């Protein structure tokens, strides 16, 4: 007999999640992926909550010997705000070099922060997901 797990777990008066913040771990040297913690929320997540979730997840991954080298996010405003806070550039636009010869040099940003959970203090580099940027580019240009 099939059973609807969702209907059995819903508590009266409980708010359903509208959003899920999901963390994934991908091995850079193999095809091993690990679906990490997820956090259901009733509304969109602001940067202060998101920063706390990032730090909690870093602590969890590190406690199981998963090393984090890159934090990859889409370009939503709360993600960008967290990236700026972590890289030490809160409340400012990422720096650009208007006198640079190429666009790459003009807008190249090296954003990273020290992993507080890593005893060796390896940096975590921050990166905006390239596939999301391409989609954004196509939707704004065409």
N, C-alpha and C. Protein backbone atom coordinates (compact mmCIF):
# COMPACT_ATOMS: atom_id res chain seq x y z
N UNK A 1 0.84 -1.18 0.00
CA UNK A 1 0.00 0.00 0.00
C UNK A 1 0.89 1.24 0.00
N UNK A 2 0.62 2.16 -0.89
CA UNK A 2 1.38 3.40 -0.96
C UNK A 2 0.90 4.37 0.12
N UNK A 3 1.85 5.16 0.62
CA UNK A 3 1.52 6.11 1.68
C UNK A 3 2.10 7.48 1.31
N UNK A 4 1.33 8.52 1.47
CA UNK A 4 1.77 9.88 1.20
C UNK A 4 2.53 10.41 2.42
N UNK A 5 3.86 10.41 2.33
CA UNK A 5 4.69 10.84 3.45
C UNK A 5 4.43 12.30 3.79
N UNK A 6 4.24 13.15 2.77
CA UNK A 6 4.03 14.57 3.02
C UNK A 6 2.79 14.81 3.88
N UNK A 7 1.69 14.14 3.55
CA UNK A 7 0.47 14.37 4.32
C UNK A 7 0.61 13.87 5.75
N UNK A 8 1.44 12.87 5.98
CA UNK A 8 1.62 12.34 7.33
C UNK A 8 2.54 13.21 8.18
N UNK A 9 3.41 14.01 7.54
CA UNK A 9 4.38 14.81 8.30
C UNK A 9 3.95 16.25 8.52
N UNK A 10 2.91 16.69 7.82
CA UNK A 10 2.46 18.08 7.96
C UNK A 10 1.77 18.24 9.31
N UNK A 11 2.26 19.20 10.07
CA UNK A 11 1.67 19.51 11.35
C UNK A 11 0.66 20.63 11.17
N UNK A 12 -0.47 20.60 11.88
CA UNK A 12 -1.44 21.67 11.75
C UNK A 12 -0.83 23.02 12.13
N UNK A 13 -1.03 24.02 11.29
CA UNK A 13 -0.52 25.36 11.55
C UNK A 13 0.94 25.56 11.16
N UNK A 14 1.63 24.52 10.71
CA UNK A 14 3.03 24.65 10.30
C UNK A 14 3.11 25.31 8.93
N UNK A 15 4.09 26.17 8.78
CA UNK A 15 4.28 26.87 7.52
C UNK A 15 5.07 26.00 6.56
N UNK A 16 4.60 25.90 5.31
CA UNK A 16 5.32 25.14 4.30
C UNK A 16 6.50 25.97 3.81
N UNK A 17 7.55 25.30 3.40
CA UNK A 17 8.72 25.97 2.85
C UNK A 17 8.42 26.47 1.45
N UNK A 18 8.77 27.71 1.19
CA UNK A 18 8.66 28.27 -0.16
C UNK A 18 9.99 28.22 -0.88
N UNK A 19 11.08 28.21 -0.12
CA UNK A 19 12.43 28.21 -0.68
C UNK A 19 13.27 27.15 0.03
N UNK A 20 14.26 26.66 -0.68
CA UNK A 20 15.23 25.73 -0.11
C UNK A 20 16.62 26.29 -0.42
N UNK A 21 17.43 26.45 0.61
CA UNK A 21 18.84 26.79 0.42
C UNK A 21 19.60 25.47 0.49
N UNK A 22 20.25 25.10 -0.60
CA UNK A 22 20.90 23.80 -0.72
C UNK A 22 22.40 23.97 -0.90
N UNK A 23 23.18 23.15 -0.22
CA UNK A 23 24.63 23.16 -0.35
C UNK A 23 25.08 21.82 -0.92
N UNK A 24 25.93 21.87 -1.92
CA UNK A 24 26.47 20.68 -2.56
C UNK A 24 27.98 20.72 -2.45
N UNK A 25 28.59 19.56 -2.38
CA UNK A 25 30.05 19.47 -2.37
C UNK A 25 30.44 18.65 -3.58
N UNK A 26 31.32 19.21 -4.41
CA UNK A 26 31.78 18.52 -5.62
C UNK A 26 33.29 18.37 -5.55
N UNK A 27 33.77 17.16 -5.71
CA UNK A 27 35.20 16.91 -5.68
C UNK A 27 35.84 17.45 -6.96
N UNK A 28 36.88 18.24 -6.82
CA UNK A 28 37.55 18.82 -7.98
C UNK A 28 38.45 17.83 -8.71
N UNK A 29 38.75 16.69 -8.08
CA UNK A 29 39.68 15.74 -8.68
C UNK A 29 39.01 14.45 -9.15
N UNK A 30 37.71 14.31 -8.93
CA UNK A 30 37.00 13.11 -9.38
C UNK A 30 35.56 13.47 -9.67
N UNK A 31 34.74 12.47 -9.91
CA UNK A 31 33.32 12.73 -10.19
C UNK A 31 32.46 12.56 -8.94
N UNK A 32 33.08 12.57 -7.77
CA UNK A 32 32.34 12.39 -6.52
C UNK A 32 31.61 13.67 -6.13
N UNK A 33 30.32 13.56 -5.94
CA UNK A 33 29.49 14.68 -5.48
C UNK A 33 28.79 14.27 -4.20
N UNK A 34 28.56 15.23 -3.35
CA UNK A 34 27.87 14.96 -2.09
C UNK A 34 26.81 16.04 -1.89
N UNK A 35 25.58 15.64 -1.70
CA UNK A 35 24.51 16.59 -1.43
C UNK A 35 24.55 16.89 0.06
N UNK A 36 24.84 18.12 0.37
CA UNK A 36 25.02 18.51 1.77
C UNK A 36 23.74 18.99 2.40
N UNK A 37 23.91 19.84 3.36
CA UNK A 37 22.78 20.34 4.13
C UNK A 37 21.85 21.16 3.27
N UNK A 38 20.59 21.13 3.64
CA UNK A 38 19.62 22.02 3.01
C UNK A 38 18.77 22.64 4.11
N UNK A 39 18.31 23.84 3.83
CA UNK A 39 17.56 24.62 4.81
C UNK A 39 16.26 25.11 4.18
N UNK A 40 15.12 24.56 4.58
CA UNK A 40 13.84 25.07 4.07
C UNK A 40 13.49 26.38 4.75
N UNK A 41 13.02 27.34 3.99
CA UNK A 41 12.62 28.64 4.54
C UNK A 41 11.26 29.04 4.00
N UNK A 42 10.58 29.86 4.76
CA UNK A 42 9.26 30.32 4.35
C UNK A 42 9.28 31.50 3.41
N UNK A 43 10.42 32.18 3.32
CA UNK A 43 10.55 33.34 2.43
C UNK A 43 11.97 33.39 1.91
N UNK A 44 12.23 34.33 1.01
CA UNK A 44 13.59 34.44 0.48
C UNK A 44 14.55 34.77 1.62
N UNK A 45 15.78 34.36 1.47
CA UNK A 45 16.76 34.46 2.54
C UNK A 45 17.60 35.71 2.37
N UNK A 46 17.67 36.53 3.42
CA UNK A 46 18.51 37.72 3.31
C UNK A 46 19.97 37.35 3.60
N UNK A 47 20.87 38.29 3.35
CA UNK A 47 22.30 37.98 3.41
C UNK A 47 22.79 37.61 4.79
N UNK A 48 22.22 38.16 5.85
CA UNK A 48 22.70 37.81 7.20
C UNK A 48 22.38 36.36 7.54
N UNK A 49 21.19 35.91 7.17
CA UNK A 49 20.82 34.50 7.40
C UNK A 49 21.64 33.61 6.50
N UNK A 50 21.82 34.01 5.25
CA UNK A 50 22.58 33.21 4.30
C UNK A 50 24.04 33.07 4.75
N UNK A 51 24.62 34.14 5.28
CA UNK A 51 26.00 34.06 5.78
C UNK A 51 26.10 33.06 6.93
N UNK A 52 25.12 33.06 7.81
CA UNK A 52 25.11 32.09 8.91
C UNK A 52 25.00 30.66 8.39
N UNK A 53 24.17 30.45 7.37
CA UNK A 53 24.03 29.12 6.79
C UNK A 53 25.33 28.67 6.12
N UNK A 54 26.01 29.59 5.45
CA UNK A 54 27.29 29.25 4.81
C UNK A 54 28.30 28.83 5.87
N UNK A 55 28.40 29.59 6.94
CA UNK A 55 29.39 29.27 7.98
C UNK A 55 29.04 27.96 8.70
N UNK A 56 27.76 27.72 8.93
CA UNK A 56 27.34 26.46 9.55
C UNK A 56 27.67 25.28 8.65
N UNK A 57 27.45 25.44 7.36
CA UNK A 57 27.73 24.37 6.42
C UNK A 57 29.24 24.14 6.29
N UNK A 58 30.04 25.19 6.29
CA UNK A 58 31.49 25.03 6.27
C UNK A 58 31.96 24.21 7.47
N UNK A 59 31.40 24.53 8.63
CA UNK A 59 31.76 23.81 9.85
C UNK A 59 31.39 22.33 9.73
N UNK A 60 30.20 22.06 9.18
CA UNK A 60 29.74 20.68 9.02
C UNK A 60 30.63 19.93 8.03
N UNK A 61 30.88 20.52 6.86
CA UNK A 61 31.73 19.86 5.88
C UNK A 61 33.12 19.59 6.47
N UNK A 62 33.69 20.56 7.16
CA UNK A 62 35.03 20.40 7.73
C UNK A 62 35.05 19.31 8.80
N UNK A 63 33.99 19.19 9.58
CA UNK A 63 33.95 18.17 10.63
C UNK A 63 33.97 16.75 10.07
N UNK A 64 33.57 16.59 8.80
CA UNK A 64 33.61 15.29 8.14
C UNK A 64 34.77 15.19 7.14
N UNK A 65 35.75 16.08 7.30
CA UNK A 65 36.99 16.08 6.50
C UNK A 65 36.76 16.44 5.03
N UNK A 66 35.69 17.13 4.71
CA UNK A 66 35.50 17.67 3.37
C UNK A 66 36.18 19.03 3.33
N UNK A 67 37.11 19.23 2.42
CA UNK A 67 37.83 20.49 2.28
C UNK A 67 37.12 21.36 1.24
N UNK A 68 36.90 22.59 1.57
CA UNK A 68 36.22 23.51 0.67
C UNK A 68 37.25 24.46 0.07
N UNK A 69 37.29 24.55 -1.26
CA UNK A 69 38.22 25.43 -1.96
C UNK A 69 37.52 26.58 -2.65
N UNK A 70 36.28 26.34 -3.11
CA UNK A 70 35.54 27.34 -3.87
C UNK A 70 34.11 27.39 -3.36
N UNK A 71 33.60 28.59 -3.15
CA UNK A 71 32.19 28.79 -2.86
C UNK A 71 31.58 29.36 -4.13
N UNK A 72 30.74 28.57 -4.79
CA UNK A 72 30.15 28.93 -6.07
C UNK A 72 28.68 29.25 -5.86
N UNK A 73 28.26 30.43 -6.25
CA UNK A 73 26.87 30.88 -6.05
C UNK A 73 26.32 31.44 -7.36
N UNK A 74 24.99 31.49 -7.44
CA UNK A 74 24.42 32.25 -8.54
C UNK A 74 24.51 33.73 -8.16
N UNK A 75 24.15 34.60 -9.06
CA UNK A 75 24.38 36.03 -8.84
C UNK A 75 23.23 36.79 -8.19
N UNK A 76 22.42 36.13 -7.37
CA UNK A 76 21.34 36.86 -6.70
C UNK A 76 21.93 37.87 -5.73
N UNK A 77 21.15 38.89 -5.41
CA UNK A 77 21.68 39.98 -4.59
C UNK A 77 22.13 39.52 -3.21
N UNK A 78 21.39 38.60 -2.58
CA UNK A 78 21.81 38.14 -1.25
C UNK A 78 23.10 37.34 -1.34
N UNK A 79 23.28 36.54 -2.39
CA UNK A 79 24.53 35.80 -2.57
C UNK A 79 25.70 36.76 -2.80
N UNK A 80 25.50 37.78 -3.64
CA UNK A 80 26.56 38.75 -3.89
C UNK A 80 26.93 39.50 -2.62
N UNK A 81 25.93 39.84 -1.81
CA UNK A 81 26.20 40.53 -0.55
C UNK A 81 27.04 39.67 0.37
N UNK A 82 26.70 38.38 0.48
CA UNK A 82 27.49 37.47 1.32
C UNK A 82 28.91 37.35 0.77
N UNK A 83 29.06 37.26 -0.54
CA UNK A 83 30.39 37.17 -1.14
C UNK A 83 31.22 38.42 -0.81
N UNK A 84 30.60 39.58 -0.85
CA UNK A 84 31.30 40.83 -0.53
C UNK A 84 31.69 40.87 0.94
N UNK A 85 30.79 40.44 1.81
CA UNK A 85 31.09 40.43 3.25
C UNK A 85 32.25 39.48 3.53
N UNK A 86 32.19 38.27 2.98
CA UNK A 86 33.24 37.28 3.24
C UNK A 86 34.60 37.71 2.68
N UNK A 87 34.59 38.43 1.56
CA UNK A 87 35.86 38.85 0.95
C UNK A 87 36.36 40.18 1.51
N UNK A 88 35.66 40.72 2.51
CA UNK A 88 36.12 41.95 3.15
C UNK A 88 35.76 43.22 2.41
N UNK A 89 34.73 43.17 1.56
CA UNK A 89 34.32 44.35 0.80
C UNK A 89 32.83 44.62 0.96
N UNK A 90 32.33 44.68 2.20
CA UNK A 90 30.89 44.88 2.38
C UNK A 90 30.46 46.28 1.96
N UNK A 91 29.23 46.35 1.51
CA UNK A 91 28.58 47.61 1.15
C UNK A 91 29.32 48.43 0.10
N UNK A 92 30.09 47.78 -0.73
CA UNK A 92 30.78 48.46 -1.82
C UNK A 92 30.67 47.60 -3.07
N UNK A 93 30.72 48.21 -4.23
CA UNK A 93 30.78 47.40 -5.44
C UNK A 93 32.15 46.71 -5.52
N UNK A 94 32.20 45.57 -6.18
CA UNK A 94 33.50 44.95 -6.39
C UNK A 94 34.36 45.92 -7.19
N UNK A 95 35.63 46.01 -6.87
CA UNK A 95 36.48 46.99 -7.54
C UNK A 95 36.68 46.68 -9.01
N UNK A 96 36.80 47.73 -9.80
CA UNK A 96 37.14 47.57 -11.21
C UNK A 96 38.34 48.48 -11.50
N UNK A 97 38.97 48.24 -12.62
CA UNK A 97 40.12 49.03 -13.03
C UNK A 97 39.78 49.73 -14.34
N UNK A 98 39.21 50.94 -14.29
CA UNK A 98 38.75 51.61 -15.51
C UNK A 98 39.85 51.90 -16.52
N UNK A 99 41.09 51.97 -16.09
CA UNK A 99 42.18 52.27 -17.01
C UNK A 99 42.83 51.02 -17.61
N UNK A 100 42.28 49.85 -17.32
CA UNK A 100 42.84 48.60 -17.84
C UNK A 100 42.64 48.50 -19.35
N UNK A 101 43.53 47.76 -19.99
CA UNK A 101 43.49 47.65 -21.45
C UNK A 101 42.40 46.71 -21.96
N UNK A 102 42.09 45.66 -21.22
CA UNK A 102 41.08 44.70 -21.67
C UNK A 102 39.93 44.62 -20.67
N UNK A 103 38.80 44.12 -21.14
CA UNK A 103 37.66 43.95 -20.24
C UNK A 103 37.98 42.96 -19.13
N UNK A 104 38.71 41.89 -19.46
CA UNK A 104 39.09 40.91 -18.44
C UNK A 104 39.89 41.57 -17.33
N UNK A 105 40.86 42.38 -17.69
CA UNK A 105 41.67 43.07 -16.68
C UNK A 105 40.84 44.10 -15.92
N UNK A 106 39.91 44.72 -16.61
CA UNK A 106 39.11 45.76 -15.96
C UNK A 106 38.19 45.20 -14.89
N UNK A 107 37.57 44.05 -15.16
CA UNK A 107 36.57 43.52 -14.24
C UNK A 107 37.02 42.26 -13.50
N UNK A 108 38.29 41.89 -13.61
CA UNK A 108 38.78 40.72 -12.91
C UNK A 108 38.80 41.00 -11.40
N UNK A 109 38.16 40.11 -10.66
CA UNK A 109 38.12 40.25 -9.20
C UNK A 109 38.67 38.96 -8.59
N UNK A 110 39.61 39.10 -7.70
CA UNK A 110 40.10 37.94 -6.97
C UNK A 110 39.51 38.02 -5.58
N UNK A 111 38.44 37.28 -5.36
CA UNK A 111 37.72 37.33 -4.09
C UNK A 111 37.90 36.01 -3.36
N UNK A 112 38.37 36.10 -2.13
CA UNK A 112 38.55 34.91 -1.32
C UNK A 112 38.48 35.30 0.15
N UNK A 113 38.41 34.28 0.99
CA UNK A 113 38.45 34.51 2.44
C UNK A 113 39.09 33.29 3.09
N UNK A 114 39.61 33.48 4.30
CA UNK A 114 40.20 32.37 5.03
C UNK A 114 39.11 31.52 5.64
N UNK A 115 39.25 30.22 5.50
CA UNK A 115 38.28 29.30 6.07
C UNK A 115 38.51 29.22 7.58
N UNK A 116 37.60 29.73 8.39
CA UNK A 116 37.81 29.71 9.84
C UNK A 116 37.78 28.31 10.44
N UNK A 117 37.29 27.34 9.69
CA UNK A 117 37.20 25.96 10.18
C UNK A 117 38.40 25.12 9.75
N UNK A 118 39.27 25.66 8.92
CA UNK A 118 40.41 24.91 8.40
C UNK A 118 41.65 25.23 9.24
N UNK A 119 42.24 24.23 9.91
CA UNK A 119 43.40 24.50 10.75
C UNK A 119 44.62 24.99 9.95
N UNK A 120 44.68 24.69 8.65
CA UNK A 120 45.79 25.13 7.81
C UNK A 120 45.53 26.53 7.27
N UNK A 121 44.30 27.01 7.41
CA UNK A 121 43.91 28.35 6.97
C UNK A 121 43.99 28.51 5.45
N UNK A 122 43.59 27.48 4.72
CA UNK A 122 43.53 27.59 3.26
C UNK A 122 42.43 28.55 2.87
N UNK A 123 42.65 29.32 1.80
CA UNK A 123 41.60 30.26 1.37
C UNK A 123 40.45 29.53 0.67
N UNK A 124 39.29 30.14 0.72
CA UNK A 124 38.14 29.70 -0.07
C UNK A 124 37.90 30.80 -1.10
N UNK A 125 37.93 30.42 -2.36
CA UNK A 125 37.74 31.39 -3.42
C UNK A 125 36.25 31.50 -3.74
N UNK A 126 35.82 32.71 -4.04
CA UNK A 126 34.42 32.99 -4.32
C UNK A 126 34.23 33.13 -5.82
N UNK A 127 33.17 32.50 -6.32
CA UNK A 127 32.94 32.50 -7.76
C UNK A 127 31.44 32.55 -8.05
N UNK A 128 31.08 33.37 -9.02
CA UNK A 128 29.69 33.40 -9.49
C UNK A 128 29.56 32.35 -10.58
N UNK A 129 28.51 31.56 -10.51
CA UNK A 129 28.30 30.46 -11.44
C UNK A 129 28.28 30.97 -12.89
N UNK A 130 29.21 30.50 -13.73
CA UNK A 130 29.26 30.98 -15.11
C UNK A 130 27.99 30.70 -15.90
N UNK A 131 27.33 29.56 -15.67
CA UNK A 131 26.12 29.26 -16.45
C UNK A 131 25.00 30.23 -16.11
N UNK A 132 24.91 30.67 -14.86
CA UNK A 132 23.90 31.66 -14.51
C UNK A 132 24.23 33.02 -15.14
N UNK A 133 25.50 33.34 -15.26
CA UNK A 133 25.89 34.61 -15.87
C UNK A 133 25.57 34.62 -17.35
N UNK A 134 25.77 33.48 -18.04
CA UNK A 134 25.45 33.40 -19.46
C UNK A 134 23.96 33.57 -19.66
N UNK A 135 23.15 32.93 -18.84
CA UNK A 135 21.69 33.07 -18.93
C UNK A 135 21.30 34.53 -18.71
N UNK A 136 21.92 35.17 -17.72
CA UNK A 136 21.63 36.56 -17.45
C UNK A 136 22.01 37.43 -18.64
N UNK A 137 23.15 37.14 -19.24
CA UNK A 137 23.60 37.89 -20.39
C UNK A 137 22.62 37.78 -21.55
N UNK A 138 22.17 36.56 -21.84
CA UNK A 138 21.24 36.36 -22.94
C UNK A 138 19.89 37.02 -22.66
N UNK A 139 19.46 37.02 -21.43
CA UNK A 139 18.17 37.63 -21.14
C UNK A 139 18.24 39.15 -21.15
N UNK A 140 19.42 39.72 -20.89
CA UNK A 140 19.50 41.17 -20.89
C UNK A 140 19.85 41.72 -22.27
N UNK A 141 20.52 40.95 -23.10
CA UNK A 141 20.94 41.43 -24.41
C UNK A 141 19.88 41.19 -25.47
N UNK A 142 19.23 40.03 -25.42
CA UNK A 142 18.30 39.68 -26.49
C UNK A 142 16.89 39.93 -26.08
